[in-house]
N, C-alpha and C. Protein backbone atom coordinates (compact mmCIF):
# COMPACT_ATOMS: atom_id res chain seq x y z
N MET A 1 64.62 74.97 174.29
CA MET A 1 63.21 74.08 173.54
C MET A 1 63.07 73.02 174.50
N THR A 2 61.92 73.22 174.41
CA THR A 2 61.10 71.76 174.91
C THR A 2 61.61 70.04 174.67
N GLN A 3 61.33 69.14 174.96
CA GLN A 3 61.85 68.10 174.81
C GLN A 3 60.78 67.90 173.42
N PHE A 4 59.64 68.50 173.78
CA PHE A 4 58.29 68.24 172.85
C PHE A 4 58.77 68.79 171.53
N LYS A 5 59.24 69.76 171.81
CA LYS A 5 59.11 70.93 170.12
C LYS A 5 60.79 70.18 169.24
N ILE A 6 61.59 69.44 169.88
CA ILE A 6 62.72 68.48 169.60
C ILE A 6 62.41 67.54 168.78
N HIS A 7 61.34 66.54 169.26
CA HIS A 7 60.76 65.60 169.03
C HIS A 7 60.04 65.80 167.64
N ASP A 8 59.21 66.72 168.07
CA ASP A 8 58.18 67.28 166.61
C ASP A 8 59.35 67.76 165.58
N GLN A 9 60.04 68.58 165.93
CA GLN A 9 61.10 68.96 164.76
C GLN A 9 61.94 67.37 164.05
N VAL A 10 62.29 66.43 164.88
CA VAL A 10 63.02 65.57 164.28
C VAL A 10 61.73 64.31 163.71
N LEU A 11 61.10 64.62 163.92
CA LEU A 11 59.94 63.94 163.49
C LEU A 11 59.28 64.60 161.81
N LEU A 12 59.12 65.95 161.96
CA LEU A 12 59.10 66.12 161.22
C LEU A 12 60.43 66.27 159.86
N GLN A 13 61.53 66.43 160.41
CA GLN A 13 62.59 66.29 159.67
C GLN A 13 62.59 64.34 158.85
N LEU A 14 62.57 63.67 159.90
CA LEU A 14 62.32 62.43 159.20
C LEU A 14 60.90 61.82 158.46
N LEU A 15 60.41 62.36 158.70
CA LEU A 15 59.14 62.57 157.26
C LEU A 15 59.39 63.78 155.62
N ARG A 16 60.11 64.65 156.15
CA ARG A 16 60.96 65.27 154.93
C ARG A 16 61.70 64.18 154.07
N ILE A 17 62.62 63.86 155.15
CA ILE A 17 63.59 62.92 154.61
C ILE A 17 62.67 61.42 153.70
N THR A 18 62.12 61.30 154.14
CA THR A 18 61.37 59.97 153.94
C THR A 18 60.38 60.44 152.29
N ALA A 19 60.05 61.21 152.21
CA ALA A 19 58.89 61.94 151.38
C ALA A 19 59.96 61.68 149.89
N GLU A 20 60.81 62.86 150.45
CA GLU A 20 62.11 63.21 149.65
C GLU A 20 62.71 61.55 149.04
N ARG A 21 62.80 60.68 149.54
CA ARG A 21 63.56 59.59 148.76
C ARG A 21 62.31 58.70 148.13
N GLU A 22 61.27 58.65 148.74
CA GLU A 22 60.02 57.81 148.24
C GLU A 22 60.11 58.92 146.57
N THR A 23 59.61 59.47 146.87
CA THR A 23 59.30 60.81 145.42
C THR A 23 60.65 60.29 144.35
N MET A 24 62.26 60.42 145.15
CA MET A 24 62.74 59.76 144.02
C MET A 24 62.81 58.72 143.45
N ASP A 25 62.46 57.80 144.60
CA ASP A 25 62.60 56.29 144.04
C ASP A 25 61.29 56.02 142.66
N TYR A 26 60.39 56.89 142.75
CA TYR A 26 59.36 56.50 142.05
C TYR A 26 59.59 56.94 140.49
N ILE A 27 60.19 58.44 140.97
CA ILE A 27 60.99 59.24 139.47
C ILE A 27 61.60 57.83 139.11
N LEU A 28 62.73 57.48 139.61
CA LEU A 28 64.04 56.93 139.29
C LEU A 28 63.12 55.54 138.25
N THR A 29 62.44 54.84 139.21
CA THR A 29 62.06 53.53 138.96
C THR A 29 60.92 53.81 137.75
N GLU A 30 60.15 54.77 137.49
CA GLU A 30 59.44 54.93 136.71
C GLU A 30 60.14 55.36 135.42
N MET A 31 61.19 55.82 135.65
CA MET A 31 62.05 56.61 134.34
C MET A 31 62.60 55.08 133.69
N LYS A 32 63.19 54.40 134.70
CA LYS A 32 63.74 53.66 133.84
C LYS A 32 62.87 52.42 133.26
N ARG A 33 61.80 52.31 133.72
CA ARG A 33 60.52 51.38 133.09
C ARG A 33 60.47 51.94 131.81
N ASP A 34 60.03 53.15 131.73
CA ASP A 34 59.55 53.83 130.25
C ASP A 34 60.83 54.15 129.79
N LEU A 35 62.00 54.34 130.24
CA LEU A 35 62.94 54.69 128.92
C LEU A 35 64.09 53.04 128.43
N ASP A 36 63.72 52.06 128.97
CA ASP A 36 64.56 51.11 128.97
C ASP A 36 66.29 51.61 129.02
N GLY A 37 67.08 51.43 127.67
CA GLY A 37 68.35 51.81 127.82
C GLY A 37 68.56 53.00 127.67
N ASP A 38 67.92 54.03 127.36
CA ASP A 38 68.14 55.41 127.30
C ASP A 38 67.83 56.13 128.60
N MET A 39 68.05 55.39 129.86
CA MET A 39 67.62 56.05 131.26
C MET A 39 69.41 56.72 131.37
N PRO A 40 68.91 58.13 131.53
CA PRO A 40 70.65 59.12 132.18
C PRO A 40 71.28 58.45 133.76
N ALA A 41 72.20 59.44 133.88
CA ALA A 41 72.87 58.50 135.25
C ALA A 41 71.87 59.52 136.29
N GLU A 42 71.40 58.35 137.69
CA GLU A 42 70.61 59.00 138.59
C GLU A 42 71.13 60.04 138.87
N GLU A 43 72.45 60.22 139.13
CA GLU A 43 72.63 61.31 139.88
C GLU A 43 72.15 62.90 139.15
N LEU A 44 72.06 62.76 137.74
CA LEU A 44 71.95 63.96 137.17
C LEU A 44 70.14 64.42 136.99
N VAL A 45 69.41 63.51 137.03
CA VAL A 45 68.44 62.92 137.54
C VAL A 45 68.14 63.53 138.71
N LYS A 46 68.33 62.98 139.99
CA LYS A 46 68.29 63.46 141.01
C LYS A 46 68.71 65.26 141.40
N ALA A 47 69.58 65.54 140.60
CA ALA A 47 69.97 66.81 140.98
C ALA A 47 69.36 67.66 139.82
N PHE A 48 68.39 67.45 138.29
CA PHE A 48 67.65 68.07 138.10
C PHE A 48 66.38 68.15 139.26
N VAL A 49 65.82 67.13 139.44
CA VAL A 49 64.57 66.89 140.26
C VAL A 49 64.88 68.21 141.39
N LYS A 50 65.67 68.04 142.17
CA LYS A 50 66.11 68.80 143.11
C LYS A 50 66.22 70.24 143.11
N ALA A 51 66.45 71.09 141.46
CA ALA A 51 66.81 72.31 141.45
C ALA A 51 66.52 71.99 139.64
N PRO A 52 65.54 72.36 139.90
CA PRO A 52 65.33 72.44 138.12
C PRO A 52 65.81 73.31 137.43
N ASP A 53 65.54 74.63 137.81
CA ASP A 53 66.13 75.90 137.29
C ASP A 53 67.51 75.72 137.22
N LYS A 54 68.10 75.16 137.88
CA LYS A 54 69.55 75.18 137.57
C LYS A 54 70.10 74.39 136.22
N PRO A 55 71.33 74.83 135.51
CA PRO A 55 71.65 74.12 134.45
C PRO A 55 71.76 72.70 134.82
N THR A 56 71.57 71.73 133.47
CA THR A 56 71.48 70.35 133.15
C THR A 56 72.15 69.91 132.50
N LYS A 57 72.58 68.64 132.65
CA LYS A 57 73.22 68.00 131.60
C LYS A 57 71.64 67.07 130.60
N LEU A 58 71.11 67.16 131.21
CA LEU A 58 69.83 65.98 130.59
C LEU A 58 69.12 66.57 129.66
N SER A 59 69.19 65.86 128.55
CA SER A 59 68.29 66.57 127.42
C SER A 59 66.93 67.00 127.68
N ILE A 60 66.47 67.72 127.06
CA ILE A 60 65.04 68.11 127.35
C ILE A 60 64.06 67.02 127.37
N TYR A 61 64.43 66.15 126.52
CA TYR A 61 63.47 64.83 126.50
C TYR A 61 63.35 64.30 127.88
N HIS A 62 64.46 64.12 128.79
CA HIS A 62 65.02 63.68 129.72
C HIS A 62 64.25 64.56 131.01
N GLN A 63 64.50 65.52 130.81
CA GLN A 63 64.29 67.09 131.71
C GLN A 63 62.24 66.86 131.53
N MET A 64 61.94 66.60 130.53
CA MET A 64 60.00 66.48 130.65
C MET A 64 59.88 65.23 131.16
N ILE A 65 60.55 64.08 131.09
CA ILE A 65 60.30 62.92 130.91
C ILE A 65 60.67 62.83 133.16
N ALA A 66 61.38 63.15 133.96
CA ALA A 66 61.47 63.36 135.01
C ALA A 66 60.68 64.47 135.48
N MET A 67 60.11 65.22 134.89
CA MET A 67 59.20 66.22 135.74
C MET A 67 57.93 65.69 135.47
N ASP A 68 57.35 65.28 134.38
CA ASP A 68 56.38 64.13 134.28
C ASP A 68 56.11 63.31 135.46
N LYS A 69 57.62 62.44 135.85
CA LYS A 69 57.21 61.49 136.61
C LYS A 69 56.86 62.40 138.09
N SER A 70 57.69 63.41 138.43
CA SER A 70 57.71 64.05 139.61
C SER A 70 56.28 64.62 139.77
N LEU A 71 55.61 65.25 138.70
CA LEU A 71 54.04 65.76 138.37
C LEU A 71 53.08 64.37 138.69
N GLU A 72 53.57 63.37 138.49
CA GLU A 72 52.50 61.78 138.49
C GLU A 72 53.06 61.40 139.90
N CYS A 73 53.59 61.72 140.54
CA CYS A 73 53.91 61.55 141.74
C CYS A 73 52.85 62.24 142.61
N ALA A 74 53.06 63.08 142.60
CA ALA A 74 52.32 64.30 143.20
C ALA A 74 50.73 64.35 142.92
N GLU A 75 50.40 63.76 141.86
CA GLU A 75 49.30 63.73 141.61
C GLU A 75 48.60 62.23 142.36
N ILE A 76 48.89 61.37 142.49
CA ILE A 76 48.93 60.18 143.36
C ILE A 76 49.27 60.24 145.00
N ASN A 77 49.83 61.18 145.71
CA ASN A 77 49.56 61.41 146.87
C ASN A 77 48.36 62.50 146.50
N CYS A 78 48.39 63.44 145.86
CA CYS A 78 47.00 64.49 146.21
C CYS A 78 45.75 63.58 146.18
N ARG A 79 45.78 62.62 145.01
CA ARG A 79 44.56 62.01 145.08
C ARG A 79 44.14 60.97 146.82
N THR A 80 45.02 60.31 147.34
CA THR A 80 45.65 59.57 148.16
C THR A 80 45.09 60.27 149.43
N LEU A 81 45.65 61.65 149.49
CA LEU A 81 44.81 63.05 150.43
C LEU A 81 43.89 63.00 150.47
N CYS A 82 43.39 63.38 149.15
CA CYS A 82 41.74 63.71 149.16
C CYS A 82 41.08 62.63 149.53
N ASP A 83 41.33 61.15 149.46
CA ASP A 83 40.62 60.38 149.17
C ASP A 83 40.41 60.01 151.57
N LEU A 84 42.04 60.21 151.69
CA LEU A 84 41.59 60.37 153.12
C LEU A 84 40.69 61.08 153.79
N ILE A 85 40.83 62.14 153.67
CA ILE A 85 39.77 63.51 153.64
C ILE A 85 38.39 63.18 153.69
N ARG A 86 37.87 62.66 152.89
CA ARG A 86 36.59 62.26 152.18
C ARG A 86 36.35 61.18 153.24
N TYR A 87 37.12 60.32 153.39
CA TYR A 87 36.98 58.97 154.33
C TYR A 87 36.58 59.41 155.55
N GLN A 88 37.71 60.63 156.28
CA GLN A 88 37.35 61.10 157.43
C GLN A 88 35.83 61.69 157.53
N TYR A 89 35.56 62.24 156.70
CA TYR A 89 34.05 63.38 157.07
C TYR A 89 32.85 61.77 156.81
N LEU A 90 33.10 60.97 155.44
CA LEU A 90 31.95 60.35 155.43
C LEU A 90 31.81 59.67 156.84
N LYS A 91 33.03 59.18 157.49
CA LYS A 91 33.15 58.34 158.68
C LYS A 91 32.25 58.92 159.87
N GLN A 92 32.62 60.34 159.93
CA GLN A 92 32.20 61.53 160.86
C GLN A 92 30.76 61.44 160.67
N ALA A 93 30.30 61.80 159.61
CA ALA A 93 28.80 61.59 159.04
C ALA A 93 28.08 60.42 159.67
N GLY A 94 28.61 59.38 159.86
CA GLY A 94 27.93 57.98 159.73
C GLY A 94 27.69 57.40 158.82
N ILE A 95 28.02 57.53 157.58
CA ILE A 95 28.22 57.30 155.88
C ILE A 95 28.43 55.74 156.15
N VAL A 96 29.65 56.13 156.34
CA VAL A 96 30.79 54.90 156.37
C VAL A 96 31.10 54.46 157.55
N HIS A 97 31.39 52.97 157.89
CA HIS A 97 31.71 52.72 159.33
C HIS A 97 32.85 51.98 158.86
N SER A 98 33.87 51.76 158.43
CA SER A 98 35.19 51.53 158.17
C SER A 98 35.73 51.56 156.39
N VAL A 99 36.97 51.48 156.69
CA VAL A 99 37.37 51.86 155.27
C VAL A 99 37.17 50.68 154.15
N ASP A 100 36.46 49.49 154.14
CA ASP A 100 36.56 48.48 153.36
C ASP A 100 35.00 49.07 152.66
N GLU A 101 33.68 49.62 153.54
CA GLU A 101 32.69 50.19 152.89
C GLU A 101 33.12 51.32 152.36
N PHE A 102 34.00 52.39 152.73
CA PHE A 102 34.32 53.64 151.71
C PHE A 102 34.95 53.22 150.63
N LEU A 103 35.95 52.46 150.19
CA LEU A 103 36.17 51.75 149.54
C LEU A 103 34.98 51.35 148.21
N GLN A 104 34.34 50.12 149.09
CA GLN A 104 33.27 49.50 148.09
C GLN A 104 32.71 50.54 147.61
N MET A 105 31.76 52.18 148.48
CA MET A 105 31.34 53.32 147.90
C MET A 105 31.95 53.61 146.48
N PHE A 106 33.44 54.26 146.81
CA PHE A 106 33.92 54.55 145.72
C PHE A 106 34.76 53.63 144.47
N ARG A 107 35.14 52.47 144.70
CA ARG A 107 35.92 51.94 143.74
C ARG A 107 35.17 50.58 144.01
N PRO A 108 33.97 50.24 143.25
CA PRO A 108 32.71 48.69 143.24
C PRO A 108 33.51 47.89 142.53
């Protein structure tokens, strides 16, 4: 295996780990904020989010909240990705020349 392929695989692995950690942090933080004192153990939430089809000790209510927060995080990431693609095409077309112009255009 070439050195480039090894570096590429290491980078992809690092990105995957970082994305999983950030997603889990978001889910746990938002659940704590919404549930106050009714927050289940973090280990149970993490296990459920990683394998929602497996048996869990989380109540149906906690499962619903965890899945909702997971989907909320996906919506945020999808919106960000869409905005980046829009910016790229608008910049290539010469419609905007900076991120500030782009943001002003869509979020005045």
